[in-house]
Protein backbone atom coordinates (compact mmCIF):
# COMPACT_ATOMS: atom_id res chain seq x y z
CA UNK A 1 31.68 37.30 36.64
CA UNK A 2 29.99 34.17 35.20
CA UNK A 3 27.94 36.42 32.64
CA UNK A 4 31.14 38.22 31.60
CA UNK A 5 33.09 34.87 31.21
CA UNK A 6 30.30 33.65 28.97
CA UNK A 7 30.53 36.65 26.89
CA UNK A 8 34.34 36.29 26.36
CA UNK A 9 33.79 32.68 25.53
CA UNK A 10 31.24 33.51 22.88
CA UNK A 11 33.35 36.27 21.20
CA UNK A 12 35.40 34.12 18.78
CA UNK A 13 32.07 32.54 17.64
CA UNK A 14 30.34 35.79 17.40
CA UNK A 15 33.25 37.37 15.35
CA UNK A 16 33.51 34.15 13.14
CA UNK A 17 29.68 34.34 12.26
CA UNK A 18 29.86 38.16 11.74
CA UNK A 19 32.99 38.15 9.61
CA UNK A 20 32.13 35.10 7.38
CA UNK A 21 28.32 35.09 7.37
CA UNK A 22 26.50 38.33 8.35
CA UNK A 23 28.84 40.76 6.62
CA UNK A 24 28.87 38.64 3.12
CA UNK A 25 25.17 38.23 3.40
CA UNK A 26 24.58 41.89 4.03
CA UNK A 27 26.83 42.91 1.15
CA UNK A 28 24.93 40.67 -1.22
CA UNK A 29 21.54 41.92 0.03
CA UNK A 30 22.83 45.66 -0.30
CA UNK A 31 24.29 44.99 -3.80
CA UNK A 32 20.93 43.55 -5.04
CA UNK A 33 19.13 46.77 -4.37
CA UNK A 34 21.85 49.14 -5.89
CA UNK A 35 22.26 50.40 -9.44
CA UNK A 36 24.51 48.64 -11.83
CA UNK A 37 27.94 50.33 -12.29
CA UNK A 38 29.06 51.46 -16.00
CA UNK A 39 32.15 49.38 -15.94
CA UNK A 40 31.03 46.53 -13.47
CA UNK A 41 30.44 46.91 -9.70
CA UNK A 42 27.65 48.99 -8.34
CA UNK A 43 26.87 52.74 -7.94
CA UNK A 44 25.34 54.19 -4.71
CA UNK A 45 21.88 54.53 -6.17
CA UNK A 46 18.93 52.50 -4.90
CA UNK A 47 17.42 50.39 -7.72
CA UNK A 48 15.25 47.14 -7.91
CA UNK A 49 16.33 46.43 -11.56
CA UNK A 50 18.22 43.32 -10.35
CA UNK A 51 15.04 41.84 -9.11
CA UNK A 52 12.80 43.08 -11.68
CA UNK A 53 14.29 40.71 -14.48
CA UNK A 54 13.96 37.73 -12.23
CA UNK A 55 10.19 37.25 -13.38
CA UNK A 56 11.09 36.50 -17.03
CA UNK A 57 10.47 32.97 -18.64
CA UNK A 58 14.19 32.34 -19.13
CA UNK A 59 14.99 32.90 -15.38
CA UNK A 60 12.07 30.91 -14.29
CA UNK A 61 13.16 28.09 -16.69
CA UNK A 62 16.58 28.11 -14.90
CA UNK A 63 15.14 28.02 -11.56
CA UNK A 64 12.92 25.01 -12.51
CA UNK A 65 15.88 23.20 -13.97
CA UNK A 66 18.04 23.89 -11.03
CA UNK A 67 15.49 22.64 -8.61
CA UNK A 68 14.74 19.44 -10.82
CA UNK A 69 18.54 18.72 -10.84
CA UNK A 70 19.06 19.38 -7.08
CA UNK A 71 15.68 17.33 -6.22
CA UNK A 72 16.46 14.28 -8.38
CA UNK A 73 20.22 14.30 -7.42
CA UNK A 74 19.37 14.25 -3.85
CA UNK A 75 16.79 11.58 -4.07
CA UNK A 76 19.15 9.36 -5.98
CA UNK A 77 22.09 10.03 -3.73
CA UNK A 78 20.02 9.12 -0.73
CA UNK A 79 18.67 5.97 -2.19
CA UNK A 80 22.31 4.88 -2.82
CA UNK A 81 23.74 6.09 0.37
CA UNK A 82 21.06 4.39 2.48
CA UNK A 83 21.80 0.84 1.86
CA UNK A 84 25.49 1.59 1.56
CA UNK A 85 25.51 3.19 4.97
CA UNK A 86 23.54 0.23 6.31
CA UNK A 87 26.01 -2.27 5.01
CA UNK A 88 29.18 -0.36 6.13
CA UNK A 89 27.60 -0.20 9.82
CA UNK A 90 26.88 -3.94 9.86
CA UNK A 91 30.01 -5.18 8.28
CA UNK A 92 33.11 -5.84 10.26
CA UNK A 93 35.33 -4.05 7.63
CA UNK A 94 33.55 -0.78 8.16
CA UNK A 95 36.82 1.14 8.88
CA UNK A 96 38.13 0.07 5.37
CA UNK A 97 34.96 0.82 3.61
CA UNK A 98 34.76 4.28 5.33
CA UNK A 99 38.36 4.95 4.08
CA UNK A 100 37.28 4.26 0.49
CA UNK A 101 34.26 6.56 0.90
CA UNK A 102 36.52 9.41 2.01
CA UNK A 103 39.30 8.72 -0.54
CA UNK A 104 37.70 10.77 -3.37
CA UNK A 105 38.12 13.77 -1.09
CA UNK A 106 41.73 13.34 -1.55
CA UNK A 107 41.72 13.87 -5.26
CA UNK A 108 41.04 17.37 -6.76
CA UNK A 109 37.46 18.08 -7.48
CA UNK A 110 38.10 19.19 -11.11
CA UNK A 111 40.04 16.12 -11.79
CA UNK A 112 37.38 13.91 -10.76
CA UNK A 113 34.80 15.73 -12.94
CA UNK A 114 37.05 15.62 -15.91
CA UNK A 115 37.38 12.06 -15.22
CA UNK A 116 33.61 11.48 -15.70
CA UNK A 117 33.86 13.57 -19.04
CA UNK A 118 36.33 10.97 -20.06
CA UNK A 119 34.00 8.06 -19.05
CA UNK A 120 30.83 9.72 -20.59
CA UNK A 121 32.39 11.12 -23.57
CA UNK A 122 31.71 10.12 -27.23
CA UNK A 123 34.98 8.44 -27.11
CA UNK A 124 34.76 7.44 -23.49
CA UNK A 125 34.62 4.28 -21.63
CA UNK A 126 30.92 3.79 -21.86
CA UNK A 127 30.62 4.46 -25.51
CA UNK A 128 33.41 1.98 -26.14
CA UNK A 129 31.85 -0.65 -23.90
CA UNK A 130 28.57 -0.21 -25.86
CA UNK A 131 30.20 -0.58 -29.39
CA UNK A 132 32.34 -3.58 -28.11
CA UNK A 133 29.17 -5.33 -26.97
CA UNK A 134 27.40 -4.49 -30.31
CA UNK A 135 24.62 -2.55 -28.62
CA UNK A 136 25.36 0.48 -30.70
CA UNK A 137 27.34 1.44 -33.77
CA UNK A 138 27.40 5.31 -33.33
CA UNK A 139 28.50 6.98 -30.27
CA UNK A 140 25.71 8.01 -27.90
CA UNK A 141 25.81 11.72 -26.39
CA UNK A 142 25.78 11.23 -22.70
CA UNK A 143 27.38 14.67 -21.96
CA UNK A 144 26.22 18.13 -21.97
CA UNK A 145 22.61 17.30 -20.63
CA UNK A 146 20.64 17.21 -17.57
CA UNK A 147 21.53 13.38 -17.03
CA UNK A 148 25.19 14.11 -16.93
CA UNK A 149 24.78 16.83 -14.37
CA UNK A 150 22.71 14.58 -12.26
CA UNK A 151 25.18 11.60 -12.52
CA UNK A 152 28.34 13.51 -11.57
CA UNK A 153 26.40 15.33 -8.71
CA UNK A 154 25.30 12.14 -7.27
CA UNK A 155 28.84 10.76 -7.52
CA UNK A 156 30.29 14.08 -5.97
CA UNK A 157 28.01 14.30 -2.95
CA UNK A 158 27.36 10.62 -2.11
CA UNK A 159 30.12 10.76 0.58
CA UNK A 160 28.49 13.75 2.09
CA UNK A 161 25.20 11.50 2.51
CA UNK A 162 27.07 8.34 3.52
CA UNK A 163 28.99 9.78 6.47
CA UNK A 164 26.05 11.20 8.35
CA UNK A 165 23.78 8.12 7.63
CA UNK A 166 26.38 5.78 8.83
CA UNK A 167 27.11 7.86 11.92
CA UNK A 168 23.22 7.59 12.75
CA UNK A 169 22.79 3.99 11.76
CA UNK A 170 25.88 2.79 13.73
CA UNK A 171 24.28 4.01 16.99
CA UNK A 172 20.96 1.98 16.22
CA UNK A 173 20.19 -0.94 18.41
CA UNK A 174 19.77 -3.66 15.69
CA UNK A 175 18.32 -5.90 18.36
CA UNK A 176 15.08 -4.09 17.50
CA UNK A 177 15.09 -5.42 14.10
CA UNK A 178 15.51 -8.95 15.35
CA UNK A 179 12.70 -8.45 17.82
CA UNK A 180 10.52 -7.24 15.05
CA UNK A 181 11.26 -10.48 12.89
CA UNK A 182 10.53 -12.47 15.75
CA UNK A 183 7.04 -10.97 16.08
CA UNK A 184 6.38 -11.74 12.47
CA UNK A 185 7.56 -8.99 10.47
CA UNK A 186 9.68 -9.57 7.26
CA UNK A 187 12.94 -7.93 6.67
CA UNK A 188 11.65 -5.20 4.57
CA UNK A 189 8.76 -4.19 6.92
CA UNK A 190 11.29 -4.22 9.96
CA UNK A 191 13.53 -1.71 8.11
CA UNK A 192 10.68 0.38 7.12
CA UNK A 193 8.83 0.48 10.43
CA UNK A 194 11.61 0.31 12.90
CA UNK A 195 14.91 1.34 11.14
CA UNK A 196 13.85 4.42 9.08
CA UNK A 197 11.92 6.25 11.95
CA UNK A 198 14.89 5.93 14.26
CA UNK A 199 17.47 7.26 11.75
CA UNK A 200 15.15 10.21 10.49
CA UNK A 201 17.75 12.68 12.00
CA UNK A 202 20.55 11.24 9.96
CA UNK A 203 18.42 11.08 6.80
CA UNK A 204 17.34 14.71 7.00
CA UNK A 205 21.02 15.79 7.64
CA UNK A 206 22.04 13.84 4.59
CA UNK A 207 19.37 15.56 2.56
CA UNK A 208 20.55 18.85 3.71
CA UNK A 209 24.17 17.95 2.95
CA UNK A 210 23.29 17.23 -0.46
CA UNK A 211 20.52 19.45 -1.57
CA UNK A 212 21.95 22.77 -0.47
CA UNK A 213 25.45 22.44 -2.22
CA UNK A 214 23.89 21.16 -5.45
CA UNK A 215 21.45 23.87 -5.55
CA UNK A 216 24.19 26.41 -5.64
CA UNK A 217 26.53 24.18 -7.80
CA UNK A 218 28.25 25.79 -10.77
CA UNK A 219 31.37 23.93 -11.84
CA UNK A 220 29.61 20.51 -12.54
CA UNK A 221 26.88 22.14 -14.77
CA UNK A 222 29.38 24.28 -16.48
CA UNK A 223 31.69 21.36 -17.43
CA UNK A 224 29.27 18.61 -18.19
CA UNK A 225 25.78 20.21 -18.51
CA UNK A 226 26.04 22.32 -21.59
CA UNK A 227 22.83 24.51 -22.37
CA UNK A 228 20.40 21.99 -21.05
CA UNK A 229 21.98 21.69 -17.71
CA UNK A 230 22.36 25.69 -17.15
CA UNK A 231 21.84 26.22 -13.30
CA UNK A 232 21.54 29.39 -11.02
CA UNK A 233 25.15 29.05 -10.17
CA UNK A 234 26.10 29.43 -13.89
CA UNK A 235 23.67 32.64 -14.08
CA UNK A 236 25.63 34.27 -11.22
CA UNK A 237 28.84 33.50 -12.70
CA UNK A 238 27.80 35.02 -16.19
CA UNK A 239 26.27 38.22 -14.71
CA UNK A 240 29.59 38.80 -12.52
CA UNK A 241 32.22 37.69 -14.96
CA UNK A 242 30.55 38.58 -18.56
CA UNK A 243 27.75 40.87 -18.11
CA UNK A 244 29.23 42.94 -15.33
CA UNK A 245 25.87 43.08 -13.79
CA UNK A 246 26.58 42.66 -10.13
CA UNK A 247 23.01 43.77 -8.86
CA UNK A 248 21.47 41.02 -11.08
CA UNK A 249 23.97 38.36 -9.67
CA UNK A 250 23.31 39.56 -6.17
CA UNK A 251 19.55 39.29 -6.69
CA UNK A 252 19.91 35.62 -7.87
CA UNK A 253 22.07 34.94 -4.85
CA UNK A 254 19.42 36.29 -2.59
CA UNK A 255 16.98 33.87 -4.27
CA UNK A 256 19.21 30.96 -3.67
CA UNK A 257 19.69 32.06 -0.01
CA UNK A 258 15.94 32.27 0.60
CA UNK A 259 15.60 28.57 -0.80
CA UNK A 260 18.47 27.53 1.32
CA UNK A 261 16.93 29.32 4.39
CA UNK A 262 13.54 27.63 3.78
CA UNK A 263 15.32 24.14 3.62
CA UNK A 264 16.99 24.95 6.89
CA UNK A 265 13.72 26.10 8.47
CA UNK A 266 11.97 22.81 7.54
CA UNK A 267 14.93 20.88 9.00
CA UNK A 268 14.64 22.69 12.32
CA UNK A 269 10.77 22.27 12.43
CA UNK A 270 11.02 18.47 11.65
CA UNK A 271 13.79 18.04 14.25
CA UNK A 272 11.79 20.06 16.82
CA UNK A 273 8.69 18.13 16.17
CA UNK A 274 10.71 14.89 16.51
CA UNK A 275 12.01 15.81 19.79
CA UNK A 276 8.71 16.94 21.05
CA UNK A 277 7.13 13.46 19.96
CA UNK A 278 10.02 11.55 21.85
CA UNK A 279 9.35 13.72 24.85
CA UNK A 280 5.61 12.95 24.86
CA UNK A 281 6.23 9.31 24.39
CA UNK A 282 8.55 9.25 27.31
CA UNK A 283 6.00 11.01 29.45
CA UNK A 284 3.27 8.54 28.64
């Protein structure tokens, strides 16, 4: 009876995973090894043409740009999120600050991106400020390059990094930092040796919550990236919408899925290693 009850309890989760994960992934894998249809879609003929073109220099350049944008954006996001989360966890006004962090979620995503286009545009706030201060006479092109894509990604995904980091730091025993300083460690050393190792789980979660969405991002690079900020998500949209080459788009999606899966595997391995280390230390 208990086994049967367990099966019934797990059916909703199994149905959800099957319907929204296994079936879509299976369709993408299937489409990637089928032939291109004459007017879009696919034909029931096995073909590896979708993967064959992924080794050309143009595609490899797009992969490199995508990884560069994702890595730099993630690093900058974590560097900003760590001190912000630490301050929110230590201050008495943490609820107010958390609301301020969440407020961007209440505004439409595209509106926020267009707002950054207005800020960074040739006639935007930044260029107006530079001209007003006399630092430049001609407008500077801040948009339609990799830098603009990184800036908007950092802004967009910063809350996704702050929230898990705050949840981890809030549970940290700050008395350990005081004890470390009493033993002669300065503030930065105590943060590096005591705080960071104890919030490693939150850091890894923040990295995953940031890196994986940026890796498959499309709208930001399409609006503010131009040719220099062309990413894999833009390639998928191009082959689906304009080129009508669904096998090629599916093959690119498979590459993204593999990269994402590797990131998750690294996370689980690091998490398991951390748990094993903690158990060994407790045994000793």
